Amino acid sequence: MIRSFPLLIAAWWAVCGPAFAKPNVLVVITDDQGYGDLGFHGNPVLKTPNLDAFAKRSVRFNRFYVSPVCSPTRSSLLTGRYTYRTGIVDTFLGRSMMHGDETTLAEVLKDGGYRTGLFGKWHLGDNYPMRPQDQGFQTVLMHRGGGIAQPSDPPGGSNYQDPVLFENGVEKKFTGYVTDIFTDAAIKFVNTKANEPFFAYVAYNCPHSPFQVQDADWEPYKNINDGMFPKIGQPWLTGKFDATEAGKAYGMIANIDRNFQKLINAVPEDTLVIFLTDNGVGGNRWNAGLRNRKGTVYEGGTRAQCFMSWKAKWKESKEITTPAAHIDLFPTILEACGVKIPKALKIDGRSLLALIENGKPLEDRTLFLQWHRGDVPELYRAFTAIGGKYKLVQASGAIPPAKGKNDPKWKFELFDIPNDPFEEHDLAAKLPDEVAKLKTKYEAWFADVKSTRQFAPPRIAVGAKQQPVTVLTRQDWRGDRAGWQPGDLGEWMIDVTQSGTYRLTLNVNPVDRKRTVSIGIGDGATMIAFEPKETKHVVEKMKLEKGEATVRPSSDDRAIQIQSVTLERIGN
């Protein structure tokens, strides 16, 4: 009997063990891939055989909603909370940093026994305490900011081919195309021999602009034209069709399709695989008839593909018409993994597991999405309230008017999405009670999310042992003159964690003449003189006091472009 005991245990585990094991999780999210950027959704030009096959065998949410732009979607996906609670209100200029005390999916899964890895785009803060390694990810390969070829790039890093990336916080130059690099790193992470299950978050920066593509991927799409696409729903072409831009974007997506299959081949059957996109189409491309595109609260800006597969448990594919959203993935994944949501954590999402497995309907609810440029969210500006049938839209004001000019009057539109998915028939005048009901719900929601933090922005920690060297880029500066163009000037909100002596390095663009830049921090200011063609100046010793402060560069020379400010604590 004693000799047969191991055999009995093995037999029991073969039958019962998988029910007790925690599944692996793979989440793949692409950047600016619209609803129509997929063969499965009727695109007759773009070839995505692997994603199409995955969609056919998956649970498909045909009304899955995300934010109109990327950074807000990512914050909601990873926290289960509406983005306005997290500190994320936009994509740049200090508005896309998430408060360090937010609890992420990676943190909860790590505490639940999972290995956690991020490969690709983070876009929730480049500095402590907002980096992925500060927020639960144990293995990290990422680019900074909102994308490659943006102001957060290190020198020489603005290329999709042979990019400069950050591996566990260390800057490193890689060889190859960026999507291939992220995929290979994720597969290496998945194949690491360990007893713990994994959570791999693969966030491709493609097909976001600039449209840098390998020639072999672009070749099949070099001769496309706008007449190749079906005329359904809303007109999609604005202005002249740019065949080069669209063709390159399609080549980037075809590359994603191949890499996605490599990921699928690498993960075991007991893996919950989720594929989604972060917002509407980021370019002048066919969008499956949906209205408008990225940056708007119409369906074309907020409706995303979301496919889920769990081979070990879900044996049949199905299509779900119940509205769901990015905030729902957090509780869905945790329930599937048998990991409890911390009791003190307030989330907005709902688990979709019972809906998927038993058809149990979600309680009636309304989803809310809003986005516009600016430091602080404003009531009514560019929002939507989405019920099971009706959707209220106020699309005006996403880009606030220039100073001295007035906003257009708010226009409230109402659409019956199940019967009018292309938002062609405004029912607001016919159904004023529905408009009033959804408007009231939106107003209550806005007051609720505002009460979380009063939209206070996060501060970048300086002098922390977790990040000895802090790099401040134009991605994160704020202010009326903040921007990415020559002559723009902003300021950085920081929190000096330790009083002491700091080394400051200022990087600027080369200019043919002498010029002077002032750097103010707290109550003090330092004048820095640059020689012609000089691009870097180091202030070896600068005293900083512990506490909140603002870094303020200034110059009267509009040709000067501040690239970055680096602060490093070197002594007491």
Protein backbone atom coordinates (compact mmCIF):
# COMPACT_ATOMS: atom_id res chain seq x y z
CA MET A 1 0.00 0.00 0.00
CA ILE A 2 2.80 2.39 0.92
CA ARG A 3 4.53 1.68 -2.40
CA SER A 4 1.35 2.46 -4.34
CA PHE A 5 0.72 5.74 -2.51
CA PRO A 6 2.76 7.90 -4.96
CA LEU A 7 0.85 6.32 -7.84
CA LEU A 8 -2.46 7.20 -6.17
CA ILE A 9 -1.31 10.78 -5.69
CA ALA A 10 -0.25 11.01 -9.32
CA ALA A 11 -3.58 9.60 -10.50
CA TRP A 12 -5.50 12.04 -8.26
CA TRP A 13 -3.48 14.99 -9.57
CA ALA A 14 -4.07 13.96 -13.18
CA VAL A 15 -7.83 14.14 -12.59
CA CYS A 16 -8.22 16.82 -9.92
CA GLY A 17 -5.00 18.79 -9.94
CA PRO A 18 -5.77 21.10 -12.84
CA ALA A 19 -8.90 22.28 -11.06
CA PHE A 20 -6.74 23.58 -8.23
CA ALA A 21 -3.88 24.96 -10.30
CA LYS A 22 -3.78 28.66 -11.10
CA PRO A 23 -3.95 29.47 -14.80
CA ASN A 24 -1.36 31.55 -16.55
CA VAL A 25 -2.42 34.90 -18.00
CA LEU A 26 -1.32 36.51 -21.26
CA VAL A 27 -2.72 39.94 -22.14
CA VAL A 28 -1.79 41.37 -25.53
CA ILE A 29 -2.75 44.96 -26.31
CA THR A 30 -1.86 46.87 -29.48
CA ASP A 31 -1.54 50.60 -29.98
CA ASP A 32 -3.88 52.53 -32.33
CA GLN A 33 -5.16 49.39 -34.08
CA GLY A 34 -8.75 50.29 -34.91
CA TYR A 35 -11.82 48.04 -35.04
CA GLY A 36 -11.48 47.80 -38.80
CA ASP A 37 -7.77 46.93 -38.70
CA LEU A 38 -8.54 43.21 -38.76
CA GLY A 39 -9.57 40.76 -41.43
CA PHE A 40 -12.08 39.23 -39.00
CA HIS A 41 -13.98 42.53 -38.93
CA GLY A 42 -14.33 42.69 -42.69
CA ASN A 43 -11.12 44.38 -43.84
CA PRO A 44 -10.60 42.93 -47.35
CA VAL A 45 -7.06 44.27 -47.74
CA LEU A 46 -5.27 43.58 -44.46
CA LYS A 47 -4.22 39.97 -43.91
CA THR A 48 -4.36 38.87 -40.26
CA PRO A 49 -4.86 35.08 -40.46
CA ASN A 50 -3.62 34.30 -36.97
CA LEU A 51 -5.70 36.92 -35.18
CA ASP A 52 -8.71 35.95 -37.31
CA ALA A 53 -8.35 32.30 -36.32
CA PHE A 54 -7.96 33.27 -32.68
CA ALA A 55 -11.09 35.41 -32.85
CA LYS A 56 -13.12 32.57 -34.36
CA ARG A 57 -12.31 30.19 -31.52
CA SER A 58 -12.58 32.77 -28.72
CA VAL A 59 -15.13 34.48 -26.56
CA ARG A 60 -15.75 37.72 -28.45
CA PHE A 61 -17.16 40.89 -26.94
CA ASN A 62 -18.70 42.79 -29.80
CA ARG A 63 -19.42 45.87 -27.65
CA PHE A 64 -16.17 46.26 -25.75
CA TYR A 65 -15.29 49.83 -24.81
CA VAL A 66 -11.99 51.56 -24.09
CA SER A 67 -10.98 55.20 -23.67
CA PRO A 68 -10.56 57.39 -26.77
CA VAL A 69 -6.76 57.53 -26.27
CA CYS A 70 -4.12 55.13 -25.03
CA SER A 71 -2.82 56.11 -21.58
CA PRO A 72 -6.29 56.32 -19.97
CA THR A 73 -7.18 52.87 -21.33
CA ARG A 74 -4.04 51.34 -19.86
CA SER A 75 -4.64 52.82 -16.42
CA SER A 76 -8.20 51.46 -16.35
CA LEU A 77 -7.16 48.02 -17.60
CA LEU A 78 -4.45 47.64 -14.97
CA THR A 79 -6.43 49.03 -12.00
CA GLY A 80 -10.07 48.22 -12.74
CA ARG A 81 -10.80 51.87 -12.05
CA TYR A 82 -11.92 54.77 -14.16
CA THR A 83 -8.89 56.67 -15.33
CA TYR A 84 -9.92 59.94 -13.64
CA ARG A 85 -9.41 58.25 -10.27
CA THR A 86 -5.80 57.34 -11.05
CA GLY A 87 -4.25 60.68 -12.04
CA ILE A 88 -4.25 59.85 -15.76
CA VAL A 89 -6.24 62.41 -17.75
CA ASP A 90 -4.39 62.60 -21.07
CA THR A 91 -1.39 61.20 -22.96
CA PHE A 92 1.39 63.75 -22.42
CA LEU A 93 2.53 67.00 -20.72
CA GLY A 94 2.42 65.56 -17.22
CA ARG A 95 -1.11 64.25 -17.59
CA SER A 96 -0.24 60.59 -18.19
CA MET A 97 1.41 59.74 -14.87
CA MET A 98 -0.46 57.39 -12.55
CA HIS A 99 -0.34 57.92 -8.79
CA GLY A 100 2.06 55.47 -7.18
CA ASP A 101 -0.46 54.40 -4.56
CA GLU A 102 -2.77 52.90 -7.19
CA THR A 103 -2.97 49.11 -6.95
CA THR A 104 -2.32 47.33 -10.24
CA LEU A 105 -3.27 43.91 -11.54
CA ALA A 106 0.43 43.00 -11.47
CA GLU A 107 0.70 43.85 -7.77
CA VAL A 108 -2.31 41.74 -6.81
CA LEU A 109 -1.23 38.79 -8.94
CA LYS A 110 2.35 38.99 -7.63
CA ASP A 111 1.02 38.84 -4.09
CA GLY A 112 -1.08 35.87 -5.23
CA GLY A 113 1.97 33.86 -6.29
CA TYR A 114 2.39 34.93 -9.90
CA ARG A 115 5.49 35.89 -11.85
CA THR A 116 4.78 39.20 -13.57
CA GLY A 117 6.29 40.69 -16.71
CA LEU A 118 5.69 43.76 -18.90
CA PHE A 119 6.95 43.87 -22.49
CA GLY A 120 6.34 47.03 -24.49
CA LYS A 121 4.40 50.16 -23.74
CA TRP A 122 3.74 51.30 -20.18
CA HIS A 123 2.76 54.97 -20.61
CA LEU A 124 1.81 55.51 -16.96
CA GLY A 125 4.96 57.26 -15.76
CA ASP A 126 8.69 57.02 -16.45
CA ASN A 127 9.95 57.81 -12.96
CA TYR A 128 9.60 56.48 -9.42
CA PRO A 129 7.08 55.73 -7.96
CA MET A 130 5.15 55.29 -11.19
CA ARG A 131 7.32 52.88 -13.21
CA PRO A 132 6.09 49.32 -13.89
CA GLN A 133 8.76 47.89 -11.58
CA ASP A 134 7.32 50.10 -8.83
CA GLN A 135 3.81 48.82 -9.61
CA GLY A 136 4.19 45.05 -9.38
CA PHE A 137 6.05 44.02 -12.53
CA GLN A 138 9.12 41.94 -11.72
CA THR A 139 10.46 41.68 -15.28
CA VAL A 140 10.27 44.76 -17.48
CA LEU A 141 11.30 45.55 -21.05
CA MET A 142 9.79 48.86 -22.13
CA HIS A 143 10.15 52.14 -23.94
CA ARG A 144 9.54 55.39 -22.11
CA GLY A 145 6.71 57.87 -22.60
CA GLY A 146 3.85 57.29 -24.98
CA GLY A 147 5.87 55.82 -27.80
CA ILE A 148 9.19 55.51 -29.56
CA ALA A 149 10.23 58.69 -31.42
CA GLN A 150 8.76 60.93 -28.73
CA PRO A 151 10.54 63.39 -26.38
CA SER A 152 11.08 60.79 -23.66
CA ASP A 153 13.47 58.82 -25.89
CA PRO A 154 17.13 58.71 -24.87
CA PRO A 155 19.58 60.01 -27.49
CA GLY A 156 19.61 57.71 -30.51
CA GLY A 157 16.51 55.89 -29.37
CA SER A 158 13.89 57.10 -31.83
CA ASN A 159 13.78 54.05 -34.07
CA TYR A 160 11.58 50.95 -34.30
CA GLN A 161 14.52 49.11 -35.86
CA ASP A 162 17.38 48.51 -33.39
CA PRO A 163 15.64 50.54 -30.65
CA VAL A 164 16.97 51.77 -27.33
CA LEU A 165 14.78 50.23 -24.62
CA PHE A 166 14.83 49.90 -20.85
CA GLU A 167 15.38 46.44 -19.41
CA ASN A 168 14.53 46.39 -15.71
CA GLY A 169 15.37 50.09 -15.57
CA VAL A 170 18.66 49.86 -17.47
CA GLU A 171 19.01 51.60 -20.84
CA LYS A 172 20.08 49.16 -23.53
CA LYS A 173 20.30 49.12 -27.34
CA PHE A 174 18.70 46.11 -29.02
CA THR A 175 19.07 44.61 -32.48
CA GLY A 176 15.98 43.88 -34.54
CA TYR A 177 12.46 45.19 -35.06
CA VAL A 178 10.72 46.39 -31.92
CA THR A 179 7.66 44.08 -32.08
CA ASP A 180 9.90 41.05 -32.60
CA ILE A 181 12.06 42.11 -29.66
CA PHE A 182 9.13 42.44 -27.27
CA THR A 183 7.75 39.08 -28.39
CA ASP A 184 11.03 37.24 -27.93
CA ALA A 185 11.48 38.73 -24.47
CA ALA A 186 7.95 37.71 -23.48
CA ILE A 187 8.50 34.16 -24.72
CA LYS A 188 11.74 33.93 -22.76
CA PHE A 189 9.83 35.06 -19.67
CA VAL A 190 7.03 32.55 -20.28
CA ASN A 191 9.52 29.70 -20.71
CA THR A 192 11.43 30.50 -17.54
CA LYS A 193 11.40 27.35 -15.44
CA ALA A 194 9.59 28.28 -12.24
CA ASN A 195 6.87 26.84 -10.06
CA GLU A 196 4.81 30.02 -10.15
CA PRO A 197 2.24 30.75 -12.85
CA PHE A 198 2.88 33.83 -14.99
CA PHE A 199 1.16 37.07 -15.91
CA ALA A 200 2.63 38.40 -19.15
CA TYR A 201 1.44 41.84 -20.28
CA VAL A 202 2.57 42.31 -23.87
CA ALA A 203 1.82 45.89 -24.93
CA TYR A 204 3.01 46.46 -28.48
CA ASN A 205 3.66 50.09 -29.45
CA CYS A 206 2.73 49.24 -33.05
CA PRO A 207 0.94 50.26 -35.22
CA HIS A 208 1.25 53.72 -33.60
CA SER A 209 2.97 56.37 -35.70
CA PRO A 210 5.62 57.03 -36.87
CA PHE A 211 4.93 54.30 -39.39
CA GLN A 212 8.35 52.66 -39.36
CA VAL A 213 7.98 49.23 -40.92
CA GLN A 214 10.18 46.52 -42.34
CA ASP A 215 10.15 46.52 -46.14
CA ALA A 216 9.04 42.88 -46.35
CA ASP A 217 5.96 43.66 -44.24
CA TRP A 218 5.11 46.79 -46.21
CA GLU A 219 5.57 45.21 -49.65
CA PRO A 220 2.09 43.55 -49.92
CA TYR A 221 0.38 46.87 -49.14
CA LYS A 222 2.36 49.33 -51.28
CA ASN A 223 -0.29 49.62 -53.99
CA ILE A 224 -3.51 49.83 -51.98
CA ASN A 225 -6.13 52.49 -52.68
CA ASP A 226 -9.29 53.69 -50.97
CA GLY A 227 -11.53 52.03 -53.55
CA MET A 228 -10.59 48.59 -52.20
CA PHE A 229 -12.71 48.97 -49.06
CA PRO A 230 -16.45 48.34 -48.65
CA LYS A 231 -18.74 51.33 -48.26
CA ILE A 232 -20.69 50.56 -45.11
CA GLY A 233 -21.78 52.72 -42.20
CA GLN A 234 -20.10 56.07 -41.79
CA PRO A 235 -17.69 57.55 -44.34
CA TRP A 236 -14.16 56.86 -43.14
CA LEU A 237 -11.94 58.89 -45.44
CA THR A 238 -11.17 62.48 -44.48
CA GLY A 239 -9.22 64.33 -47.14
CA LYS A 240 -6.89 62.56 -49.53
CA PHE A 241 -6.05 58.92 -48.93
CA ASP A 242 -2.42 58.43 -47.92
CA ALA A 243 -1.61 55.01 -49.35
CA THR A 244 1.92 55.02 -47.94
CA GLU A 245 0.80 55.71 -44.37
CA ALA A 246 -2.05 53.19 -44.47
CA GLY A 247 0.08 50.57 -46.19
CA LYS A 248 2.85 50.88 -43.64
CA ALA A 249 0.36 50.64 -40.78
CA TYR A 250 -1.02 47.45 -42.34
CA GLY A 251 2.50 46.06 -42.62
CA MET A 252 3.05 46.77 -38.92
CA ILE A 253 -0.20 44.95 -38.08
CA ALA A 254 0.74 41.98 -40.27
CA ASN A 255 3.95 41.77 -38.24
CA ILE A 256 1.90 41.84 -35.03
CA ASP A 257 -0.22 39.00 -36.41
CA ARG A 258 2.84 36.76 -36.84
CA ASN A 259 4.20 37.66 -33.44
CA PHE A 260 0.87 37.01 -31.78
CA GLN A 261 0.91 33.47 -33.12
CA LYS A 262 4.43 32.99 -31.74
CA LEU A 263 3.10 33.97 -28.32
CA ILE A 264 0.14 31.59 -28.64
CA ASN A 265 2.48 28.75 -29.57
CA ALA A 266 4.65 29.45 -26.53
CA VAL A 267 2.00 29.40 -23.79
CA PRO A 268 0.49 26.24 -22.28
CA GLU A 269 -3.20 25.35 -22.68
CA ASP A 270 -3.98 26.46 -19.15
CA THR A 271 -3.44 30.09 -20.09
CA LEU A 272 -6.11 32.75 -20.18
CA VAL A 273 -5.26 34.72 -23.32
CA ILE A 274 -6.79 38.14 -23.93
CA PHE A 275 -6.26 40.24 -27.05
CA LEU A 276 -7.51 43.82 -27.23
CA THR A 277 -6.69 47.23 -28.63
CA ASP A 278 -6.33 50.49 -26.74
CA ASN A 279 -8.50 52.94 -28.72
CA GLY A 280 -9.88 53.65 -32.17
CA VAL A 281 -7.90 53.71 -35.38
CA GLY A 282 -4.93 56.05 -35.24
CA GLY A 283 -4.90 57.25 -38.83
CA ASN A 284 -6.97 57.81 -41.94
CA ARG A 285 -7.87 54.14 -42.41
CA TRP A 286 -11.02 52.10 -42.97
CA ASN A 287 -12.84 51.59 -39.67
CA ALA A 288 -15.52 48.96 -40.40
CA GLY A 289 -18.19 51.63 -40.79
CA LEU A 290 -17.91 52.94 -37.23
CA ARG A 291 -18.25 56.67 -36.69
CA ASN A 292 -15.05 58.70 -36.40
CA ARG A 293 -11.75 57.50 -34.92
CA LYS A 294 -9.19 57.80 -32.12
CA GLY A 295 -9.66 60.83 -29.87
CA THR A 296 -13.46 60.87 -30.05
CA VAL A 297 -16.17 59.32 -27.90
CA TYR A 298 -18.07 57.96 -30.88
CA GLU A 299 -17.91 54.20 -31.53
CA GLY A 300 -14.97 54.61 -33.90
CA GLY A 301 -12.87 56.02 -31.07
CA THR A 302 -13.96 53.81 -28.19
CA ARG A 303 -15.11 50.43 -29.51
CA ALA A 304 -12.28 47.90 -29.50
CA GLN A 305 -11.79 44.27 -30.34
CA CYS A 306 -11.57 42.04 -27.28
CA PHE A 307 -11.10 38.30 -27.68
CA MET A 308 -10.58 35.85 -24.81
CA SER A 309 -9.50 32.22 -24.94
CA TRP A 310 -8.87 29.66 -22.19
CA LYS A 311 -8.29 26.34 -23.90
CA ALA A 312 -8.10 24.32 -20.71
CA LYS A 313 -11.55 25.48 -19.60
CA TRP A 314 -13.59 27.10 -22.37
CA LYS A 315 -14.29 24.60 -25.13
CA GLU A 316 -16.65 26.66 -27.28
CA SER A 317 -16.40 30.04 -28.93
CA LYS A 318 -19.19 32.55 -28.47
CA GLU A 319 -20.15 36.13 -29.14
CA ILE A 320 -21.31 38.35 -26.28
CA THR A 321 -23.38 41.44 -26.98
CA THR A 322 -23.45 42.77 -23.41
CA PRO A 323 -21.45 46.03 -23.17
CA ALA A 324 -18.15 45.56 -21.32
CA ALA A 325 -15.08 47.71 -20.84
CA HIS A 326 -11.41 47.96 -19.96
CA ILE A 327 -12.27 48.33 -16.25
CA ASP A 328 -13.75 44.81 -16.30
CA LEU A 329 -10.54 42.95 -17.14
CA PHE A 330 -9.00 43.50 -13.69
CA PRO A 331 -11.76 41.67 -11.73
CA THR A 332 -12.29 39.10 -14.51
CA ILE A 333 -8.66 38.02 -14.54
CA LEU A 334 -8.41 37.91 -10.75
CA GLU A 335 -11.52 35.75 -10.43
CA ALA A 336 -10.25 33.39 -13.12
CA CYS A 337 -6.95 33.10 -11.22
CA GLY A 338 -8.61 32.53 -7.86
CA VAL A 339 -6.94 35.65 -6.44
CA LYS A 340 -9.07 37.88 -4.25
CA ILE A 341 -9.36 41.61 -4.78
CA PRO A 342 -7.98 43.42 -1.69
CA LYS A 343 -10.92 44.39 0.53
CA ALA A 344 -9.87 48.04 0.83
CA LEU A 345 -9.63 48.47 -2.93
CA LYS A 346 -12.47 50.30 -4.64
CA ILE A 347 -12.81 49.28 -8.26
CA ASP A 348 -15.34 50.23 -10.92
CA GLY A 349 -15.17 47.12 -13.11
CA ARG A 350 -17.18 43.93 -12.83
CA SER A 351 -16.04 40.39 -13.43
CA LEU A 352 -17.22 38.96 -16.74
CA LEU A 353 -16.55 35.35 -15.76
CA ALA A 354 -20.14 34.36 -14.90
CA LEU A 355 -21.37 36.06 -18.07
CA ILE A 356 -18.83 34.10 -20.13
CA GLU A 357 -19.27 30.71 -18.46
CA ASN A 358 -22.94 30.65 -17.47
CA GLY A 359 -24.55 33.42 -19.48
CA LYS A 360 -25.40 35.17 -16.22
CA PRO A 361 -26.28 38.76 -17.16
CA LEU A 362 -24.56 41.71 -15.55
CA GLU A 363 -26.76 43.92 -13.46
CA ASP A 364 -27.96 46.93 -15.40
CA ARG A 365 -25.22 49.52 -15.47
CA THR A 366 -23.93 52.49 -17.38
CA LEU A 367 -20.35 52.84 -18.62
CA PHE A 368 -18.67 56.24 -18.80
CA LEU A 369 -15.82 57.42 -21.00
CA GLN A 370 -14.36 60.90 -21.29
CA TRP A 371 -11.24 62.47 -22.71
CA HIS A 372 -10.04 65.92 -23.70
CA ARG A 373 -6.82 67.88 -23.70
CA GLY A 374 -6.01 69.90 -20.59
CA ASP A 375 -4.65 69.51 -17.09
CA VAL A 376 -8.03 69.08 -15.38
CA PRO A 377 -11.16 67.22 -16.57
CA GLU A 378 -14.22 69.40 -17.12
CA LEU A 379 -17.90 68.52 -16.84
CA TYR A 380 -19.64 67.76 -20.17
CA ARG A 381 -16.53 68.15 -22.33
CA ALA A 382 -16.23 65.21 -24.79
CA PHE A 383 -17.92 62.37 -22.87
CA THR A 384 -20.22 59.41 -23.44
CA ALA A 385 -22.56 57.47 -21.15
CA ILE A 386 -23.25 53.94 -22.45
CA GLY A 387 -26.21 51.86 -21.34
CA GLY A 388 -27.29 48.47 -22.59
CA LYS A 389 -29.37 50.02 -25.37
CA TYR A 390 -28.90 53.77 -25.49
CA LYS A 391 -25.69 55.74 -25.65
CA LEU A 392 -25.51 59.44 -24.81
CA VAL A 393 -22.77 61.37 -26.61
CA GLN A 394 -21.48 64.91 -26.16
CA ALA A 395 -18.50 64.88 -28.50
CA SER A 396 -17.58 68.59 -28.59
CA GLY A 397 -14.55 70.08 -26.89
CA ALA A 398 -11.98 67.29 -27.08
CA ILE A 399 -9.48 69.91 -28.20
CA PRO A 400 -10.18 73.09 -26.18
CA PRO A 401 -10.29 76.30 -28.21
CA ALA A 402 -7.42 78.77 -28.34
CA LYS A 403 -7.37 81.55 -25.79
CA GLY A 404 -9.97 84.21 -26.50
CA LYS A 405 -12.21 81.86 -28.45
CA ASN A 406 -15.37 80.19 -27.17
CA ASP A 407 -16.24 76.52 -27.15
CA PRO A 408 -19.03 75.38 -29.44
CA LYS A 409 -22.31 74.78 -27.62
CA TRP A 410 -22.57 71.34 -26.11
CA LYS A 411 -24.65 69.03 -28.29
CA PHE A 412 -26.16 65.95 -26.66
CA GLU A 413 -26.84 63.08 -29.04
CA LEU A 414 -28.58 59.78 -28.30
CA PHE A 415 -28.06 56.55 -30.23
CA ASP A 416 -29.66 53.11 -30.07
CA ILE A 417 -26.43 51.17 -30.53
CA PRO A 418 -27.84 47.61 -30.93
CA ASN A 419 -29.98 48.86 -33.82
CA ASP A 420 -27.75 51.71 -35.00
CA PRO A 421 -24.11 50.63 -34.48
CA PHE A 422 -22.86 53.27 -36.93
CA GLU A 423 -24.48 56.14 -34.96
CA GLU A 424 -26.36 57.47 -37.96
CA HIS A 425 -29.67 58.37 -36.28
CA ASP A 426 -29.72 60.86 -33.39
CA LEU A 427 -32.74 60.15 -31.16
CA ALA A 428 -32.15 62.94 -28.62
CA ALA A 429 -35.11 65.05 -29.78
CA LYS A 430 -37.44 62.03 -29.82
CA LEU A 431 -36.38 60.60 -26.44
CA PRO A 432 -35.64 63.53 -24.10
CA ASP A 433 -36.31 61.41 -21.00
CA GLU A 434 -33.54 58.97 -21.98
CA VAL A 435 -31.18 61.90 -22.55
CA ALA A 436 -32.02 63.36 -19.14
CA LYS A 437 -31.61 60.00 -17.40
CA LEU A 438 -28.17 59.30 -18.87
CA LYS A 439 -27.07 62.90 -18.36
CA THR A 440 -27.98 62.70 -14.66
CA LYS A 441 -26.04 59.44 -14.30
CA TYR A 442 -23.03 61.02 -16.00
CA GLU A 443 -23.12 64.05 -13.69
CA ALA A 444 -23.17 61.77 -10.64
CA TRP A 445 -20.29 59.74 -12.06
CA PHE A 446 -18.20 62.84 -12.74
CA ALA A 447 -18.72 64.08 -9.18
CA ASP A 448 -17.74 60.65 -7.86
CA VAL A 449 -14.49 60.28 -9.80
CA LYS A 450 -13.58 63.89 -9.02
CA SER A 451 -14.03 63.23 -5.29
CA THR A 452 -11.30 60.55 -5.38
CA ARG A 453 -8.40 63.04 -5.64
CA GLN A 454 -9.93 66.30 -6.91
CA PHE A 455 -7.84 65.60 -10.04
CA ALA A 456 -4.59 66.42 -8.18
CA PRO A 457 -1.61 65.48 -10.40
CA PRO A 458 1.12 63.06 -9.26
CA ARG A 459 4.63 64.26 -8.43
CA ILE A 460 7.89 62.72 -9.57
CA ALA A 461 10.11 61.54 -6.72
CA VAL A 462 13.71 62.79 -6.78
CA GLY A 463 16.53 61.35 -4.67
CA ALA A 464 14.75 58.07 -3.86
CA LYS A 465 16.92 55.00 -3.36
CA GLN A 466 14.66 53.10 -5.78
CA GLN A 467 15.76 55.46 -8.58
CA PRO A 468 19.02 57.29 -7.84
CA VAL A 469 18.98 59.16 -11.17
CA THR A 470 15.77 60.91 -12.24
CA VAL A 471 15.35 62.01 -15.87
CA LEU A 472 12.75 64.71 -16.48
CA THR A 473 11.60 64.95 -20.10
CA ARG A 474 9.13 67.04 -22.06
CA GLN A 475 6.74 64.08 -21.83
CA ASP A 476 6.02 65.01 -18.20
CA TRP A 477 6.35 68.77 -17.92
CA ARG A 478 3.27 70.92 -17.42
CA GLY A 479 2.22 74.55 -17.79
CA ASP A 480 0.66 77.00 -20.23
CA ARG A 481 3.70 76.97 -22.52
CA ALA A 482 4.45 73.25 -22.21
CA GLY A 483 4.75 71.39 -25.50
CA TRP A 484 7.08 69.47 -27.77
CA GLN A 485 8.10 72.25 -30.14
CA PRO A 486 11.19 74.54 -30.08
CA GLY A 487 10.59 77.45 -27.74
CA ASP A 488 8.05 75.56 -25.62
CA LEU A 489 8.70 75.73 -21.89
CA GLY A 490 7.11 73.79 -19.08
CA GLU A 491 7.84 72.84 -15.49
CA TRP A 492 8.08 69.60 -13.56
CA MET A 493 6.31 68.94 -10.27
CA ILE A 494 8.68 66.94 -8.08
CA ASP A 495 8.95 65.62 -4.55
CA VAL A 496 12.50 65.75 -3.17
CA THR A 497 12.66 62.68 -0.93
CA GLN A 498 15.98 63.56 0.74
CA SER A 499 17.71 66.86 1.38
CA GLY A 500 21.22 66.93 0.02
CA THR A 501 23.60 67.81 -2.76
CA TYR A 502 22.48 66.95 -6.28
CA ARG A 503 24.13 66.90 -9.67
CA LEU A 504 21.98 68.53 -12.35
CA THR A 505 22.43 67.85 -16.06
CA LEU A 506 20.59 69.98 -18.61
CA ASN A 507 20.27 68.77 -22.21
CA VAL A 508 19.20 71.15 -25.00
CA ASN A 509 19.21 71.21 -28.80
CA PRO A 510 22.30 72.60 -30.55
CA VAL A 511 22.17 76.30 -31.51
CA ASP A 512 24.80 78.23 -33.46
CA ARG A 513 25.21 81.03 -30.90
CA LYS A 514 25.80 81.47 -27.21
CA ARG A 515 22.66 81.38 -25.08
CA THR A 516 21.62 81.21 -21.45
CA VAL A 517 19.07 79.06 -19.67
CA SER A 518 17.85 79.55 -16.11
CA ILE A 519 16.87 76.56 -13.98
CA GLY A 520 14.82 77.32 -10.90
CA ILE A 521 14.10 74.71 -8.24
CA GLY A 522 12.17 75.76 -5.17
CA ASP A 523 13.31 79.23 -4.12
CA GLY A 524 16.65 79.12 -5.92
CA ALA A 525 17.70 79.56 -9.54
CA THR A 526 20.87 78.77 -11.47
CA MET A 527 21.99 80.48 -14.69
CA ILE A 528 23.58 78.14 -17.24
CA ALA A 529 25.58 79.54 -20.17
CA PHE A 530 25.82 77.37 -23.30
CA GLU A 531 28.54 77.76 -25.90
CA PRO A 532 27.65 77.47 -29.60
CA LYS A 533 26.78 73.84 -30.52
CA GLU A 534 26.94 72.78 -26.87
CA THR A 535 24.04 70.47 -25.96
CA LYS A 536 24.80 69.38 -22.38
CA HIS A 537 25.78 71.28 -19.27
CA VAL A 538 26.40 69.82 -15.80
CA VAL A 539 25.94 71.67 -12.54
CA GLU A 540 28.05 69.55 -10.23
CA LYS A 541 26.62 70.68 -6.90
CA MET A 542 23.14 71.98 -6.22
CA LYS A 543 21.52 71.98 -2.78
CA LEU A 544 17.93 70.74 -2.63
CA GLU A 545 15.71 70.63 0.44
CA LYS A 546 13.33 67.78 1.19
CA GLY A 547 9.73 68.41 0.14
CA GLU A 548 7.60 69.35 -2.82
CA ALA A 549 9.15 71.64 -5.41
CA THR A 550 8.90 72.74 -9.02
CA VAL A 551 11.68 72.58 -11.61
CA ARG A 552 11.35 75.66 -13.82
CA PRO A 553 13.61 76.14 -16.87
CA SER A 554 13.36 79.45 -18.69
CA SER A 555 15.01 81.30 -21.55
CA ASP A 556 14.28 84.31 -23.74
CA ASP A 557 15.71 82.48 -26.77
CA ARG A 558 12.78 80.83 -28.57
CA ALA A 559 15.19 78.67 -30.60
CA ILE A 560 16.20 76.75 -27.49
CA GLN A 561 14.51 73.42 -26.95
CA ILE A 562 14.88 71.87 -23.52
CA GLN A 563 15.38 68.14 -24.03
CA SER A 564 15.69 66.89 -20.46
CA VAL A 565 16.85 67.65 -16.93
CA THR A 566 18.59 64.93 -14.93
CA LEU A 567 18.87 65.05 -11.12
CA GLU A 568 21.15 62.74 -9.13
CA ARG A 569 21.73 62.86 -5.38
CA ILE A 570 25.48 62.72 -4.73
CA GLY A 571 25.80 63.62 -1.04
CA ASN A 572 24.31 65.12 2.10
